[in-house]
Amino acid sequence: MSDLNLRALVIGGARGIGGAVTSKLINEGIHVVFTSLSGSLASLEKFAKLRINDHQIVEHLRLDVRNVSDIESVIENSNKVLGGLDYLVYSPGGALIEPIDEVDIESWGEMLSIHCIGASCVIKKAIHSFEKSDSGSIVLISSISSLSARPNQLAYSSAKAAMNQIMRSYALELAKKKIRVNAVLPGLVQTDALVGMNASAIEEIVHSTPLKRLGTTKEIAECVLFLLSSRASFVTGHAMIVSGGR
């Protein structure tokens, strides 16, 4: 898969699953622009050290996916840096865990803005960036919470379910442009998001997972890279579950 001519934009690519994807892409010799909600000089320095040579591009851009004008600016700037796109990964954080009777209009607005409106706007604004690509591929990071009801996840799981449908709709519409669109649906993964999570709740999830452990960000990144790459050249509109069997 290593090809110094390939170019990738990772939305939410500084930490967690997105950070693992950024690292993997850089290790494969791909030019990468990654975004995060805040300035991330430390992340840029960390990822820049992974470059396989001095000609490989690794850049950071700030992005709040809830702001449409920010999205347009990031796409324009990434095009200036990379000259276009071959790969796009959408992986912003934003899980909202709260009892169902506390879910209000703000809860819905936050989750839909990040996981639905943001995802759709990023893809829409980035379509023209793939015009000179022979291997256009997009992967959205969804969740297994999108497939069934989970306690205290009404707005989050609903928004992720809608993200799956956004993926399918774009996969259908962009096929004529030879751009593939897929999603990865992780189970519970070892990230900073687990800090402060109830230990018994984590233990219960591990117990209900056939492989009896949590996933790692590297394992999710491997699946993302597969779907991005030519190895998955006949795969589009697919929601890949990566949950240890849960």
Protein backbone atom coordinates (compact mmCIF):
# COMPACT_ATOMS: atom_id res chain seq x y z
CA MET A 1 0.00 0.00 0.00
CA SER A 2 2.98 2.30 0.49
CA ASP A 3 2.84 5.09 -2.06
CA LEU A 4 4.31 8.54 -1.56
CA ASN A 5 1.84 9.95 -4.07
CA LEU A 6 -1.20 9.13 -1.91
CA ARG A 7 -2.75 11.96 0.11
CA ALA A 8 -5.01 11.68 3.16
CA LEU A 9 -7.06 13.98 5.36
CA VAL A 10 -7.97 12.66 8.83
CA ILE A 11 -10.69 14.61 10.62
CA GLY A 12 -10.17 14.19 14.35
CA GLY A 13 -6.77 12.66 13.73
CA ALA A 14 -4.77 13.77 16.77
CA ARG A 15 -5.92 11.28 19.42
CA GLY A 16 -7.67 7.98 19.96
CA ILE A 17 -8.76 6.01 16.91
CA GLY A 18 -8.13 8.98 14.63
CA GLY A 19 -4.62 9.34 16.01
CA ALA A 20 -3.91 5.67 15.36
CA VAL A 21 -5.14 6.10 11.79
CA THR A 22 -2.90 9.14 11.32
CA SER A 23 0.10 7.18 12.60
CA LYS A 24 -0.65 4.22 10.36
CA LEU A 25 -1.03 6.38 7.26
CA ILE A 26 2.27 8.14 7.95
CA ASN A 27 4.01 4.80 8.50
CA GLU A 28 2.71 3.71 5.09
CA GLY A 29 4.45 6.69 3.47
CA ILE A 30 1.25 8.61 2.74
CA HIS A 31 1.08 12.42 2.88
CA VAL A 32 -1.26 13.36 5.75
CA VAL A 33 -3.13 16.40 6.98
CA PHE A 34 -4.88 15.74 10.29
CA THR A 35 -7.24 17.95 12.27
CA SER A 36 -8.17 18.44 15.90
CA LEU A 37 -10.47 20.75 17.82
CA SER A 38 -7.61 22.71 19.36
CA GLY A 39 -4.10 23.69 18.34
CA SER A 40 -1.87 20.63 18.52
CA LEU A 41 1.82 21.49 18.14
CA ALA A 42 2.79 18.54 20.32
CA SER A 43 0.75 16.18 18.15
CA LEU A 44 2.29 17.60 14.99
CA GLU A 45 5.78 17.11 16.37
CA LYS A 46 4.93 13.55 17.44
CA PHE A 47 3.51 12.57 14.06
CA ALA A 48 6.22 14.38 12.09
CA LYS A 49 8.79 12.08 13.71
CA LEU A 50 7.05 9.12 12.04
CA ARG A 51 7.76 10.35 8.50
CA ILE A 52 9.65 7.83 6.40
CA ASN A 53 11.57 10.64 4.65
CA ASP A 54 11.92 14.42 4.67
CA HIS A 55 9.71 14.83 1.60
CA GLN A 56 6.64 13.32 3.23
CA ILE A 57 4.02 15.90 4.18
CA VAL A 58 2.56 15.84 7.70
CA GLU A 59 0.51 18.88 8.68
CA HIS A 60 -2.06 19.83 11.32
CA LEU A 61 -5.14 22.04 10.91
CA ARG A 62 -7.57 23.15 13.60
CA LEU A 63 -11.19 22.19 12.96
CA ASP A 64 -14.48 22.34 14.84
CA VAL A 65 -16.75 20.09 12.76
CA ARG A 66 -19.78 21.89 14.21
CA ASN A 67 -18.78 24.97 12.22
CA VAL A 68 -19.53 24.70 8.49
CA SER A 69 -17.27 27.62 7.58
CA ASP A 70 -14.41 25.90 9.43
CA ILE A 71 -14.99 22.77 7.37
CA GLU A 72 -14.83 24.67 4.09
CA SER A 73 -11.62 26.41 5.17
CA VAL A 74 -9.95 23.14 6.22
CA ILE A 75 -10.79 21.45 2.91
CA GLU A 76 -9.39 24.42 0.99
CA ASN A 77 -6.21 24.50 3.10
CA SER A 78 -5.66 20.75 2.90
CA ASN A 79 -5.93 21.01 -0.88
CA LYS A 80 -3.28 23.73 -0.86
CA VAL A 81 -0.99 21.51 1.22
CA LEU A 82 -1.65 18.18 -0.52
CA GLY A 83 -2.88 19.20 -3.97
CA GLY A 84 -6.00 17.06 -3.59
CA LEU A 85 -7.11 13.91 -1.78
CA ASP A 86 -7.09 10.16 -2.21
CA TYR A 87 -8.26 9.23 1.28
CA LEU A 88 -10.59 10.87 3.79
CA VAL A 89 -11.24 9.60 7.31
CA TYR A 90 -13.89 11.14 9.58
CA SER A 91 -13.18 10.40 13.25
CA PRO A 92 -14.10 13.29 15.57
CA GLY A 93 -14.73 12.44 19.20
CA GLY A 94 -17.99 13.19 20.92
CA ALA A 95 -19.86 10.53 22.88
CA LEU A 96 -22.69 11.76 25.07
CA ILE A 97 -23.64 9.43 27.91
CA GLU A 98 -26.68 10.57 29.88
CA PRO A 99 -29.97 9.14 31.19
CA ILE A 100 -32.78 9.19 28.67
CA ASP A 101 -34.85 11.65 30.72
CA GLU A 102 -31.97 14.16 30.59
CA VAL A 103 -31.63 14.14 26.81
CA ASP A 104 -32.72 17.58 25.59
CA ILE A 105 -32.53 19.67 22.43
CA GLU A 106 -28.93 20.60 23.20
CA SER A 107 -28.01 16.92 23.46
CA TRP A 108 -29.56 16.20 20.07
CA GLY A 109 -27.97 19.27 18.52
CA GLU A 110 -24.49 18.34 19.75
CA MET A 111 -24.60 14.72 18.57
CA LEU A 112 -26.24 15.45 15.23
CA SER A 113 -23.86 18.35 14.54
CA ILE A 114 -20.77 16.21 15.11
CA HIS A 115 -21.75 12.82 13.73
CA CYS A 116 -24.28 13.65 11.01
CA ILE A 117 -24.16 17.23 9.78
CA GLY A 118 -20.38 17.42 10.22
CA ALA A 119 -19.78 14.13 8.42
CA SER A 120 -22.07 15.05 5.53
CA CYS A 121 -20.59 18.54 5.16
CA VAL A 122 -17.01 17.25 5.19
CA ILE A 123 -17.76 14.73 2.45
CA LYS A 124 -19.73 17.23 0.38
CA LYS A 125 -17.01 19.89 0.59
CA ALA A 126 -14.25 17.34 -0.13
CA ILE A 127 -15.77 15.71 -3.23
CA HIS A 128 -13.96 18.03 -5.65
CA SER A 129 -10.66 17.22 -3.90
CA PHE A 130 -10.82 13.68 -5.34
CA GLU A 131 -11.07 14.79 -8.97
CA LYS A 132 -7.47 13.87 -9.81
CA SER A 133 -7.43 10.68 -7.73
CA ASP A 134 -7.51 7.15 -9.11
CA SER A 135 -8.22 5.66 -5.69
CA GLY A 136 -10.77 7.88 -3.92
CA SER A 137 -11.86 6.33 -0.63
CA ILE A 138 -13.71 7.62 2.43
CA VAL A 139 -14.13 5.92 5.82
CA LEU A 140 -16.39 7.15 8.62
CA ILE A 141 -15.79 6.00 12.20
CA SER A 142 -19.16 4.98 13.57
CA SER A 143 -19.89 2.63 16.51
CA ILE A 144 -21.56 -0.66 17.30
CA SER A 145 -23.88 1.49 19.44
CA SER A 146 -25.48 2.42 16.11
CA LEU A 147 -26.82 -1.13 15.72
CA SER A 148 -28.76 -1.63 18.95
CA ALA A 149 -30.04 0.29 21.95
CA ARG A 150 -27.44 1.00 24.64
CA PRO A 151 -28.13 2.37 28.13
CA ASN A 152 -27.80 6.16 28.40
CA GLN A 153 -26.87 6.60 24.72
CA LEU A 154 -30.09 7.79 23.09
CA ALA A 155 -28.71 10.81 21.21
CA TYR A 156 -25.26 9.32 20.57
CA SER A 157 -26.37 5.92 19.26
CA SER A 158 -29.11 7.53 17.16
CA ALA A 159 -26.65 9.95 15.59
CA LYS A 160 -24.22 7.11 14.83
CA ALA A 161 -27.05 5.12 13.23
CA ALA A 162 -27.77 8.13 11.05
CA MET A 163 -24.06 8.31 10.20
CA ASN A 164 -24.29 4.76 8.84
CA GLN A 165 -27.10 5.82 6.54
CA ILE A 166 -25.15 8.91 5.46
CA MET A 167 -22.31 6.55 4.52
CA ARG A 168 -24.62 4.35 2.44
CA SER A 169 -26.20 7.31 0.68
CA TYR A 170 -22.85 8.82 -0.27
CA ALA A 171 -21.55 5.40 -1.32
CA LEU A 172 -24.44 5.12 -3.77
CA GLU A 173 -24.13 8.66 -5.10
CA LEU A 174 -20.32 8.81 -5.34
CA ALA A 175 -19.85 5.44 -7.03
CA LYS A 176 -20.22 7.17 -10.40
CA LYS A 177 -17.22 9.30 -9.45
CA LYS A 178 -15.31 6.13 -8.50
CA ILE A 179 -15.16 7.21 -4.85
CA ARG A 180 -15.80 4.45 -2.33
CA VAL A 181 -17.45 5.21 1.03
CA ASN A 182 -17.47 2.81 3.99
CA ALA A 183 -17.69 2.85 7.78
CA VAL A 184 -15.97 1.10 10.65
CA LEU A 185 -18.08 0.31 13.73
CA PRO A 186 -15.78 -0.27 16.72
CA GLY A 187 -16.78 -1.83 19.99
CA LEU A 188 -15.32 -0.44 23.19
CA VAL A 189 -11.69 0.51 22.59
CA GLN A 190 -8.89 1.44 24.97
CA THR A 191 -8.64 5.24 24.66
CA ASP A 192 -8.51 8.28 26.94
CA ALA A 193 -12.32 8.29 26.78
CA LEU A 194 -12.33 5.39 29.27
CA VAL A 195 -10.83 7.59 32.00
CA GLY A 196 -13.55 8.12 34.58
CA MET A 197 -15.78 5.40 33.14
CA ASN A 198 -17.31 3.08 35.72
CA ALA A 199 -14.97 0.11 36.19
CA SER A 200 -17.83 -2.34 36.64
CA ALA A 201 -19.39 -1.13 33.39
CA ILE A 202 -16.12 -1.81 31.55
CA GLU A 203 -15.89 -5.24 33.18
CA GLU A 204 -19.44 -6.03 32.08
CA ILE A 205 -18.62 -5.07 28.48
CA VAL A 206 -15.49 -7.24 28.51
CA HIS A 207 -17.54 -10.13 29.90
CA SER A 208 -20.13 -9.75 27.13
CA THR A 209 -17.43 -9.65 24.42
CA PRO A 210 -16.64 -13.11 23.01
CA LEU A 211 -12.92 -12.29 22.77
CA LYS A 212 -13.04 -11.18 26.44
CA ARG A 213 -11.09 -7.96 26.06
CA LEU A 214 -11.31 -4.41 24.81
CA GLY A 215 -10.08 -3.44 21.38
CA THR A 216 -7.03 -1.30 20.65
CA THR A 217 -6.85 1.78 18.48
CA LYS A 218 -4.23 0.05 16.30
CA GLU A 219 -6.67 -2.78 15.56
CA ILE A 220 -9.31 -0.30 14.43
CA ALA A 221 -6.75 1.61 12.36
CA GLU A 222 -5.76 -1.58 10.53
CA CYS A 223 -9.38 -2.07 9.44
CA VAL A 224 -9.65 1.57 8.36
CA LEU A 225 -6.50 1.23 6.27
CA PHE A 226 -7.86 -1.92 4.65
CA LEU A 227 -11.08 -0.16 3.60
CA LEU A 228 -9.14 2.85 2.32
CA SER A 229 -6.73 0.78 0.29
CA SER A 230 -6.95 -0.95 -3.08
CA ARG A 231 -7.27 -4.24 -1.21
CA ALA A 232 -10.91 -3.23 -0.68
CA SER A 233 -11.40 -1.90 -4.21
CA PHE A 234 -14.78 -3.66 -4.65
CA VAL A 235 -16.10 -2.67 -1.21
CA THR A 236 -18.39 0.34 -0.82
CA GLY A 237 -21.45 1.08 1.29
CA HIS A 238 -20.21 -1.40 3.90
CA ALA A 239 -20.38 -1.07 7.70
CA MET A 240 -17.50 -3.14 9.10
CA ILE A 241 -18.07 -4.25 12.70
CA VAL A 242 -14.84 -4.45 14.73
CA SER A 243 -16.00 -5.37 18.20
CA GLY A 244 -14.43 -8.64 19.28
CA GLY A 245 -17.70 -10.37 18.50
CA ARG A 246 -19.85 -8.20 20.76
